[in-house]
Amino acid sequence: MDVLVGVVGAAHALKGEVYLDVRTDSPEERFFEGAVLRKEGGGSLTVKSLRVHKGRLVVRFEEVSDRNGAEAIRGTRLVIDSAEVEEEEDAWYPHELVGMDVRTVDGEPRGTLKDFIPGAAQDLLVVEWEGREVLVPFVYEIVPEVLEDERVILIDPPGGLFDDEEA
């Protein structure tokens, strides 16, 4: 199974550098000079150089020599095989969570996990509930437990997150 570790963003300057939207908890293990990164759907990109600019990772790939080339790879999803990743306790990949039932800690149903949105401050769970999508911050205070064997995500939502709850 492929695991997303980064998405190529906008071009930076004229020499083929791009911003990289990092999607891994250990970027130093994935992104370094000489790293060969597999592109989702086939092919690869080799890191020629990287640096941090205004808090964001800027990467130059061997295969890209100018701004036009950088723009051409924008949106490219960089993946690794999940077998390459050391398993952590209480860590999940989005593909493992999507489709799970969502319930409050009191056992009340709150729909199904439809999607997962990575974020800078915290990730968001997209819960399909009564014909709409509710965005639930994926933080311990709100999502205290994921019951993998039961395929259930337990949430303790603040008042007002779902319409039937008082604020």
N, C-alpha and C. Protein backbone atom coordinates (compact mmCIF):
# COMPACT_ATOMS: atom_id res chain seq x y z
N MET A 1 0.85 -1.17 0.00
CA MET A 1 0.00 0.00 0.00
C MET A 1 0.89 1.23 0.00
N ASP A 2 0.59 2.18 -0.86
CA ASP A 2 1.33 3.44 -0.91
C ASP A 2 0.89 4.38 0.19
N VAL A 3 1.86 5.12 0.75
CA VAL A 3 1.61 6.12 1.77
C VAL A 3 2.14 7.44 1.25
N LEU A 4 1.32 8.46 1.29
CA LEU A 4 1.70 9.79 0.81
C LEU A 4 2.68 10.43 1.78
N VAL A 5 3.82 10.94 1.26
CA VAL A 5 4.80 11.62 2.11
C VAL A 5 4.99 13.08 1.72
N GLY A 6 4.51 13.47 0.53
CA GLY A 6 4.65 14.86 0.12
C GLY A 6 3.91 15.12 -1.17
N VAL A 7 3.58 16.41 -1.37
CA VAL A 7 2.93 16.85 -2.61
C VAL A 7 3.72 18.05 -3.12
N VAL A 8 4.11 18.00 -4.39
CA VAL A 8 4.85 19.09 -5.00
C VAL A 8 3.92 20.29 -5.14
N GLY A 9 4.39 21.42 -4.64
CA GLY A 9 3.60 22.65 -4.69
C GLY A 9 4.06 23.57 -5.80
N ALA A 10 3.85 24.84 -5.59
CA ALA A 10 4.16 25.87 -6.59
C ALA A 10 5.66 26.00 -6.83
N ALA A 11 5.99 26.48 -8.02
CA ALA A 11 7.37 26.76 -8.36
C ALA A 11 7.88 27.92 -7.51
N HIS A 12 9.18 27.89 -7.22
CA HIS A 12 9.82 28.98 -6.47
C HIS A 12 11.00 29.48 -7.30
N ALA A 13 10.97 30.72 -7.67
CA ALA A 13 12.03 31.36 -8.46
C ALA A 13 12.11 30.73 -9.86
N LEU A 14 13.30 30.82 -10.48
CA LEU A 14 13.42 30.45 -11.90
C LEU A 14 14.22 29.19 -12.17
N LYS A 15 14.91 28.65 -11.18
CA LYS A 15 15.84 27.55 -11.42
C LYS A 15 15.26 26.16 -11.19
N GLY A 16 13.95 26.05 -11.12
CA GLY A 16 13.32 24.74 -11.01
C GLY A 16 12.99 24.29 -9.59
N GLU A 17 13.16 25.18 -8.62
CA GLU A 17 12.81 24.80 -7.26
C GLU A 17 11.29 24.82 -7.09
N VAL A 18 10.82 23.98 -6.16
CA VAL A 18 9.39 23.92 -5.85
C VAL A 18 9.21 23.89 -4.34
N TYR A 19 8.06 24.40 -3.91
CA TYR A 19 7.68 24.20 -2.51
C TYR A 19 7.18 22.77 -2.38
N LEU A 20 7.43 22.18 -1.23
CA LEU A 20 6.98 20.81 -1.00
C LEU A 20 6.06 20.80 0.20
N ASP A 21 4.85 20.30 0.01
CA ASP A 21 3.88 20.14 1.09
C ASP A 21 4.17 18.79 1.74
N VAL A 22 4.83 18.83 2.89
CA VAL A 22 5.28 17.63 3.58
C VAL A 22 4.11 16.94 4.25
N ARG A 23 3.98 15.64 4.05
CA ARG A 23 2.89 14.85 4.63
C ARG A 23 3.43 13.67 5.42
N THR A 24 4.54 13.87 6.11
CA THR A 24 5.13 12.82 6.93
C THR A 24 5.58 13.41 8.25
N ASP A 25 5.56 12.61 9.28
CA ASP A 25 6.02 13.07 10.59
C ASP A 25 7.54 13.07 10.69
N SER A 26 8.21 12.44 9.73
CA SER A 26 9.68 12.37 9.77
C SER A 26 10.27 12.81 8.44
N PRO A 27 10.16 14.11 8.12
CA PRO A 27 10.64 14.59 6.82
C PRO A 27 12.14 14.38 6.62
N GLU A 28 12.92 14.43 7.69
CA GLU A 28 14.36 14.24 7.57
C GLU A 28 14.73 12.84 7.08
N GLU A 29 13.85 11.87 7.30
CA GLU A 29 14.09 10.50 6.83
C GLU A 29 13.69 10.31 5.37
N ARG A 30 12.85 11.19 4.85
CA ARG A 30 12.34 11.05 3.49
C ARG A 30 12.98 12.02 2.50
N PHE A 31 13.28 13.24 2.99
CA PHE A 31 13.74 14.31 2.09
C PHE A 31 15.15 14.73 2.47
N PHE A 32 16.11 14.35 1.63
CA PHE A 32 17.52 14.71 1.83
C PHE A 32 18.18 14.67 0.46
N GLU A 33 19.33 15.33 0.31
CA GLU A 33 20.02 15.33 -0.97
C GLU A 33 20.33 13.90 -1.39
N GLY A 34 19.94 13.57 -2.62
CA GLY A 34 20.15 12.24 -3.16
C GLY A 34 18.97 11.29 -2.98
N ALA A 35 17.99 11.67 -2.19
CA ALA A 35 16.81 10.81 -1.98
C ALA A 35 16.06 10.64 -3.30
N VAL A 36 15.70 9.42 -3.60
CA VAL A 36 14.89 9.12 -4.78
C VAL A 36 13.46 8.90 -4.30
N LEU A 37 12.56 9.77 -4.77
CA LEU A 37 11.17 9.73 -4.33
C LEU A 37 10.29 9.19 -5.44
N ARG A 38 9.45 8.24 -5.09
CA ARG A 38 8.57 7.62 -6.07
C ARG A 38 7.33 8.48 -6.28
N LYS A 39 6.98 8.69 -7.56
CA LYS A 39 5.78 9.45 -7.89
C LYS A 39 4.60 8.49 -7.96
N GLU A 40 3.47 8.91 -7.39
CA GLU A 40 2.27 8.09 -7.47
C GLU A 40 1.92 7.91 -8.94
N GLY A 41 1.70 6.69 -9.35
CA GLY A 41 1.38 6.43 -10.75
C GLY A 41 2.59 6.07 -11.60
N GLY A 42 3.80 6.17 -11.04
CA GLY A 42 4.99 5.77 -11.77
C GLY A 42 6.02 6.87 -11.92
N GLY A 43 7.26 6.44 -12.03
CA GLY A 43 8.37 7.38 -12.17
C GLY A 43 8.92 7.79 -10.83
N SER A 44 9.95 8.62 -10.87
CA SER A 44 10.57 9.07 -9.63
C SER A 44 11.21 10.43 -9.82
N LEU A 45 11.53 11.06 -8.72
CA LEU A 45 12.23 12.33 -8.69
C LEU A 45 13.38 12.20 -7.69
N THR A 46 14.54 12.76 -8.04
CA THR A 46 15.71 12.69 -7.17
C THR A 46 16.00 14.08 -6.60
N VAL A 47 16.12 14.17 -5.29
CA VAL A 47 16.36 15.44 -4.62
C VAL A 47 17.80 15.89 -4.92
N LYS A 48 17.91 17.06 -5.55
CA LYS A 48 19.23 17.65 -5.83
C LYS A 48 19.66 18.56 -4.68
N SER A 49 18.73 19.34 -4.18
CA SER A 49 19.02 20.21 -3.04
C SER A 49 17.71 20.53 -2.33
N LEU A 50 17.82 20.95 -1.08
CA LEU A 50 16.64 21.37 -0.34
C LEU A 50 17.05 22.37 0.72
N ARG A 51 16.10 23.23 1.06
CA ARG A 51 16.32 24.26 2.07
C ARG A 51 14.97 24.70 2.60
N VAL A 52 15.00 25.41 3.69
CA VAL A 52 13.77 25.95 4.26
C VAL A 52 13.73 27.43 3.91
N HIS A 53 12.58 27.88 3.39
CA HIS A 53 12.37 29.27 3.03
C HIS A 53 11.05 29.72 3.64
N LYS A 54 11.12 30.69 4.58
CA LYS A 54 9.93 31.20 5.25
C LYS A 54 9.10 30.07 5.86
N GLY A 55 9.78 29.12 6.47
CA GLY A 55 9.11 28.03 7.17
C GLY A 55 8.61 26.90 6.29
N ARG A 56 8.89 26.97 5.00
CA ARG A 56 8.43 25.90 4.09
C ARG A 56 9.63 25.25 3.42
N LEU A 57 9.49 23.97 3.11
CA LEU A 57 10.56 23.23 2.45
C LEU A 57 10.56 23.54 0.96
N VAL A 58 11.73 23.94 0.46
CA VAL A 58 11.92 24.21 -0.97
C VAL A 58 12.89 23.16 -1.50
N VAL A 59 12.49 22.47 -2.57
CA VAL A 59 13.27 21.36 -3.09
C VAL A 59 13.58 21.59 -4.57
N ARG A 60 14.77 21.16 -4.97
CA ARG A 60 15.13 21.15 -6.39
C ARG A 60 15.42 19.69 -6.75
N PHE A 61 14.81 19.23 -7.83
CA PHE A 61 14.99 17.85 -8.27
C PHE A 61 15.94 17.78 -9.46
N GLU A 62 16.70 16.71 -9.55
CA GLU A 62 17.63 16.49 -10.67
C GLU A 62 16.91 16.58 -12.01
N GLU A 63 15.69 16.11 -12.06
CA GLU A 63 14.95 16.00 -13.33
C GLU A 63 14.33 17.33 -13.77
N VAL A 64 14.42 18.36 -12.96
CA VAL A 64 13.77 19.64 -13.26
C VAL A 64 14.83 20.74 -13.30
N SER A 65 14.89 21.47 -14.42
CA SER A 65 15.97 22.45 -14.56
C SER A 65 15.50 23.90 -14.62
N ASP A 66 14.19 24.12 -14.74
CA ASP A 66 13.72 25.51 -14.86
C ASP A 66 12.30 25.64 -14.31
N ARG A 67 11.82 26.86 -14.31
CA ARG A 67 10.49 27.14 -13.76
C ARG A 67 9.40 26.38 -14.52
N ASN A 68 9.51 26.28 -15.84
CA ASN A 68 8.50 25.55 -16.62
C ASN A 68 8.43 24.09 -16.18
N GLY A 69 9.57 23.48 -15.97
CA GLY A 69 9.61 22.11 -15.49
C GLY A 69 9.01 21.98 -14.10
N ALA A 70 9.29 22.98 -13.27
CA ALA A 70 8.75 22.99 -11.91
C ALA A 70 7.23 23.10 -11.93
N GLU A 71 6.71 23.97 -12.80
CA GLU A 71 5.25 24.11 -12.92
C GLU A 71 4.62 22.83 -13.44
N ALA A 72 5.33 22.12 -14.30
CA ALA A 72 4.80 20.89 -14.90
C ALA A 72 4.61 19.77 -13.87
N ILE A 73 5.40 19.78 -12.79
CA ILE A 73 5.26 18.70 -11.80
C ILE A 73 4.42 19.11 -10.60
N ARG A 74 3.88 20.32 -10.64
CA ARG A 74 3.04 20.78 -9.53
C ARG A 74 1.88 19.81 -9.31
N GLY A 75 1.63 19.47 -8.06
CA GLY A 75 0.56 18.53 -7.73
C GLY A 75 1.00 17.08 -7.70
N THR A 76 2.24 16.81 -8.10
CA THR A 76 2.74 15.43 -8.08
C THR A 76 2.76 14.92 -6.65
N ARG A 77 2.20 13.74 -6.47
CA ARG A 77 2.13 13.12 -5.15
C ARG A 77 3.31 12.16 -5.01
N LEU A 78 4.07 12.34 -3.93
CA LEU A 78 5.24 11.51 -3.67
C LEU A 78 4.87 10.47 -2.61
N VAL A 79 5.18 9.21 -2.90
CA VAL A 79 4.73 8.11 -2.04
C VAL A 79 5.87 7.16 -1.69
N ILE A 80 5.65 6.41 -0.63
CA ILE A 80 6.52 5.30 -0.27
C ILE A 80 5.63 4.10 0.00
N ASP A 81 6.23 2.93 0.02
CA ASP A 81 5.49 1.72 0.36
C ASP A 81 5.32 1.69 1.87
N SER A 82 4.13 1.36 2.34
CA SER A 82 3.86 1.35 3.79
C SER A 82 4.78 0.37 4.53
N ALA A 83 5.32 -0.62 3.84
CA ALA A 83 6.23 -1.57 4.47
C ALA A 83 7.55 -0.90 4.88
N GLU A 84 7.85 0.27 4.28
CA GLU A 84 9.08 1.00 4.61
C GLU A 84 8.95 1.80 5.90
N VAL A 85 7.75 1.88 6.45
CA VAL A 85 7.50 2.73 7.60
C VAL A 85 7.42 1.90 8.86
N GLU A 86 8.16 2.33 9.88
CA GLU A 86 8.09 1.66 11.18
C GLU A 86 6.76 2.02 11.83
N GLU A 87 6.05 0.99 12.28
CA GLU A 87 4.74 1.24 12.88
C GLU A 87 4.88 1.89 14.25
N GLU A 88 3.99 2.87 14.49
CA GLU A 88 3.95 3.55 15.77
C GLU A 88 2.63 3.21 16.45
N GLU A 89 2.67 3.20 17.78
CA GLU A 89 1.43 3.00 18.52
C GLU A 89 0.59 4.27 18.40
N ASP A 90 -0.71 4.14 18.27
CA ASP A 90 -1.62 5.27 18.13
C ASP A 90 -1.32 6.13 16.92
N ALA A 91 -0.90 5.52 15.83
CA ALA A 91 -0.67 6.25 14.58
C ALA A 91 -1.42 5.51 13.47
N TRP A 92 -2.08 6.27 12.61
CA TRP A 92 -2.87 5.68 11.54
C TRP A 92 -2.62 6.42 10.26
N TYR A 93 -2.88 5.75 9.16
CA TYR A 93 -2.84 6.38 7.85
C TYR A 93 -4.28 6.68 7.45
N PRO A 94 -4.49 7.75 6.69
CA PRO A 94 -5.86 8.10 6.29
C PRO A 94 -6.63 6.94 5.67
N HIS A 95 -5.97 6.15 4.82
CA HIS A 95 -6.68 5.05 4.15
C HIS A 95 -7.16 3.99 5.15
N GLU A 96 -6.55 3.94 6.33
CA GLU A 96 -6.97 2.98 7.35
C GLU A 96 -8.21 3.47 8.10
N LEU A 97 -8.42 4.78 8.13
CA LEU A 97 -9.52 5.36 8.89
C LEU A 97 -10.79 5.58 8.07
N VAL A 98 -10.63 5.92 6.79
CA VAL A 98 -11.78 6.23 5.95
C VAL A 98 -12.75 5.04 5.93
N GLY A 99 -14.03 5.35 6.14
CA GLY A 99 -15.07 4.32 6.17
C GLY A 99 -15.44 3.87 7.57
N MET A 100 -14.65 4.27 8.58
CA MET A 100 -14.97 3.88 9.96
C MET A 100 -16.21 4.63 10.45
N ASP A 101 -16.94 3.97 11.34
CA ASP A 101 -18.07 4.63 12.00
C ASP A 101 -17.53 5.63 13.01
N VAL A 102 -18.24 6.73 13.18
CA VAL A 102 -17.87 7.74 14.16
C VAL A 102 -18.97 7.79 15.20
N ARG A 103 -18.57 7.69 16.48
CA ARG A 103 -19.52 7.74 17.59
C ARG A 103 -18.97 8.64 18.67
N THR A 104 -19.88 9.21 19.46
CA THR A 104 -19.44 9.98 20.62
C THR A 104 -18.93 9.01 21.68
N VAL A 105 -18.24 9.54 22.66
CA VAL A 105 -17.75 8.69 23.75
C VAL A 105 -18.91 8.08 24.53
N ASP A 106 -20.12 8.66 24.40
CA ASP A 106 -21.32 8.12 25.04
C ASP A 106 -22.02 7.09 24.16
N GLY A 107 -21.47 6.80 22.99
CA GLY A 107 -22.03 5.78 22.11
C GLY A 107 -23.02 6.27 21.07
N GLU A 108 -23.26 7.59 21.00
CA GLU A 108 -24.20 8.13 20.02
C GLU A 108 -23.56 8.15 18.63
N PRO A 109 -24.25 7.63 17.61
CA PRO A 109 -23.69 7.64 16.26
C PRO A 109 -23.51 9.06 15.74
N ARG A 110 -22.42 9.30 15.02
CA ARG A 110 -22.15 10.60 14.42
C ARG A 110 -21.67 10.44 12.97
N GLY A 111 -22.10 9.38 12.33
CA GLY A 111 -21.83 9.23 10.90
C GLY A 111 -20.64 8.34 10.59
N THR A 112 -20.08 8.61 9.41
CA THR A 112 -18.99 7.81 8.87
C THR A 112 -17.86 8.73 8.45
N LEU A 113 -16.64 8.28 8.67
CA LEU A 113 -15.49 9.08 8.22
C LEU A 113 -15.39 8.98 6.71
N LYS A 114 -15.54 10.11 6.05
CA LYS A 114 -15.54 10.18 4.59
C LYS A 114 -14.16 10.50 4.04
N ASP A 115 -13.42 11.37 4.74
CA ASP A 115 -12.14 11.81 4.23
C ASP A 115 -11.28 12.32 5.37
N PHE A 116 -10.06 12.64 5.04
CA PHE A 116 -9.06 13.09 6.00
C PHE A 116 -8.32 14.24 5.35
N ILE A 117 -8.28 15.40 6.01
CA ILE A 117 -7.60 16.57 5.44
C ILE A 117 -6.39 16.90 6.30
N PRO A 118 -5.17 16.73 5.73
CA PRO A 118 -3.98 17.10 6.49
C PRO A 118 -3.93 18.62 6.67
N GLY A 119 -3.51 19.06 7.83
CA GLY A 119 -3.44 20.49 8.09
C GLY A 119 -2.14 20.88 8.74
N ALA A 120 -1.86 22.17 8.71
CA ALA A 120 -0.62 22.68 9.30
C ALA A 120 -0.67 22.58 10.83
N ALA A 121 -1.77 23.00 11.44
CA ALA A 121 -1.88 22.97 12.89
C ALA A 121 -2.35 21.60 13.37
N GLN A 122 -3.40 21.08 12.75
CA GLN A 122 -3.87 19.72 13.05
C GLN A 122 -4.62 19.21 11.83
N ASP A 123 -4.76 17.90 11.77
CA ASP A 123 -5.50 17.29 10.68
C ASP A 123 -6.99 17.38 10.99
N LEU A 124 -7.80 17.25 9.96
CA LEU A 124 -9.25 17.29 10.12
C LEU A 124 -9.86 15.99 9.62
N LEU A 125 -10.83 15.48 10.36
CA LEU A 125 -11.62 14.34 9.92
C LEU A 125 -12.87 14.89 9.25
N VAL A 126 -13.19 14.39 8.07
CA VAL A 126 -14.42 14.79 7.38
C VAL A 126 -15.45 13.71 7.65
N VAL A 127 -16.42 14.06 8.50
CA VAL A 127 -17.43 13.10 8.93
C VAL A 127 -18.72 13.38 8.17
N GLU A 128 -19.25 12.35 7.51
CA GLU A 128 -20.53 12.49 6.82
C GLU A 128 -21.63 12.24 7.84
N TRP A 129 -22.45 13.27 8.09
CA TRP A 129 -23.46 13.21 9.13
C TRP A 129 -24.74 13.87 8.64
N GLU A 130 -25.81 13.11 8.58
CA GLU A 130 -27.12 13.61 8.17
C GLU A 130 -27.08 14.43 6.89
N GLY A 131 -26.41 13.90 5.89
CA GLY A 131 -26.38 14.52 4.56
C GLY A 131 -25.43 15.68 4.40
N ARG A 132 -24.59 15.92 5.39
CA ARG A 132 -23.61 17.01 5.27
C ARG A 132 -22.27 16.54 5.81
N GLU A 133 -21.26 17.37 5.59
CA GLU A 133 -19.93 17.05 6.07
C GLU A 133 -19.60 17.93 7.29
N VAL A 134 -19.12 17.29 8.34
CA VAL A 134 -18.71 17.99 9.55
C VAL A 134 -17.19 17.81 9.67
N LEU A 135 -16.46 18.92 9.84
CA LEU A 135 -15.02 18.85 10.00
C LEU A 135 -14.69 18.76 11.49
N VAL A 136 -14.01 17.68 11.85
CA VAL A 136 -13.68 17.42 13.25
C VAL A 136 -12.16 17.46 13.40
N PRO A 137 -11.63 18.38 14.23
CA PRO A 137 -10.18 18.41 14.44
C PRO A 137 -9.69 17.08 15.02
N PHE A 138 -8.65 16.53 14.42
CA PHE A 138 -8.11 15.25 14.85
C PHE A 138 -7.04 15.49 15.92
N VAL A 139 -7.54 15.87 17.11
CA VAL A 139 -6.69 16.09 18.27
C VAL A 139 -7.21 15.22 19.41
N TYR A 140 -6.33 14.85 20.32
CA TYR A 140 -6.70 13.91 21.38
C TYR A 140 -7.89 14.39 22.21
N GLU A 141 -7.99 15.69 22.47
CA GLU A 141 -9.08 16.22 23.29
C GLU A 141 -10.45 15.96 22.66
N ILE A 142 -10.50 15.90 21.33
CA ILE A 142 -11.78 15.69 20.62
C ILE A 142 -11.90 14.27 20.11
N VAL A 143 -10.79 13.65 19.76
CA VAL A 143 -10.79 12.26 19.27
C VAL A 143 -9.90 11.45 20.20
N PRO A 144 -10.46 11.03 21.35
CA PRO A 144 -9.64 10.35 22.34
C PRO A 144 -9.26 8.91 22.01
N GLU A 145 -10.01 8.28 21.09
CA GLU A 145 -9.71 6.86 20.85
C GLU A 145 -10.16 6.42 19.46
N VAL A 146 -9.33 5.57 18.86
CA VAL A 146 -9.67 4.91 17.61
C VAL A 146 -9.67 3.41 17.91
N LEU A 147 -10.83 2.79 17.75
CA LEU A 147 -10.97 1.36 18.02
C LEU A 147 -10.81 0.61 16.70
N GLU A 148 -9.57 0.27 16.39
CA GLU A 148 -9.27 -0.34 15.09
C GLU A 148 -10.05 -1.62 14.84
N ASP A 149 -10.08 -2.52 15.82
CA ASP A 149 -10.74 -3.81 15.64
C ASP A 149 -12.23 -3.66 15.39
N GLU A 150 -12.85 -2.65 16.00
CA GLU A 150 -14.28 -2.41 15.83
C GLU A 150 -14.59 -1.47 14.67
N ARG A 151 -13.53 -0.86 14.10
CA ARG A 151 -13.65 0.12 13.00
C ARG A 151 -14.53 1.29 13.44
N VAL A 152 -14.21 1.82 14.63
CA VAL A 152 -14.97 2.92 15.21
C VAL A 152 -13.99 4.00 15.68
N ILE A 153 -14.35 5.25 15.41
CA ILE A 153 -13.62 6.40 15.93
C ILE A 153 -14.50 7.05 16.98
N LEU A 154 -13.97 7.16 18.20
CA LEU A 154 -14.73 7.79 19.28
C LEU A 154 -14.35 9.27 19.34
N ILE A 155 -15.39 10.11 19.43
CA ILE A 155 -15.16 11.55 19.52
C ILE A 155 -15.87 12.14 20.72
N ASP A 156 -15.33 13.22 21.22
CA ASP A 156 -15.93 13.98 22.32
C ASP A 156 -16.04 15.42 21.80
N PRO A 157 -17.02 15.65 20.91
CA PRO A 157 -17.08 16.95 20.22
C PRO A 157 -17.53 18.08 21.13
N PRO A 158 -17.00 19.26 20.89
CA PRO A 158 -17.47 20.42 21.66
C PRO A 158 -18.90 20.74 21.23
N GLY A 159 -19.65 21.38 22.12
CA GLY A 159 -21.02 21.76 21.80
C GLY A 159 -21.08 22.61 20.54
N GLY A 160 -22.08 22.33 19.70
CA GLY A 160 -22.28 23.10 18.48
C GLY A 160 -21.62 22.53 17.25
N LEU A 161 -20.73 21.56 17.41
CA LEU A 161 -20.07 20.99 16.24
C LEU A 161 -21.07 20.23 15.38
N PHE A 162 -21.98 19.52 16.04
CA PHE A 162 -23.08 18.86 15.34
C PHE A 162 -24.34 19.61 15.73
N ASP A 163 -25.27 19.80 14.80
CA ASP A 163 -26.45 20.65 15.01
C ASP A 163 -27.26 20.33 16.26
N ASP A 164 -27.36 19.05 16.63
CA ASP A 164 -28.23 18.68 17.75
C ASP A 164 -27.59 18.88 19.11
N GLU A 165 -26.38 19.43 19.14
CA GLU A 165 -25.69 19.65 20.41
C GLU A 165 -25.77 21.11 20.80
N GLU A 166 -25.87 21.35 22.07
CA GLU A 166 -25.93 22.73 22.55
C GLU A 166 -24.53 23.31 22.62
N ALA A 167 -24.42 24.59 22.28
CA ALA A 167 -23.14 25.27 22.33
C ALA A 167 -22.83 25.72 23.75
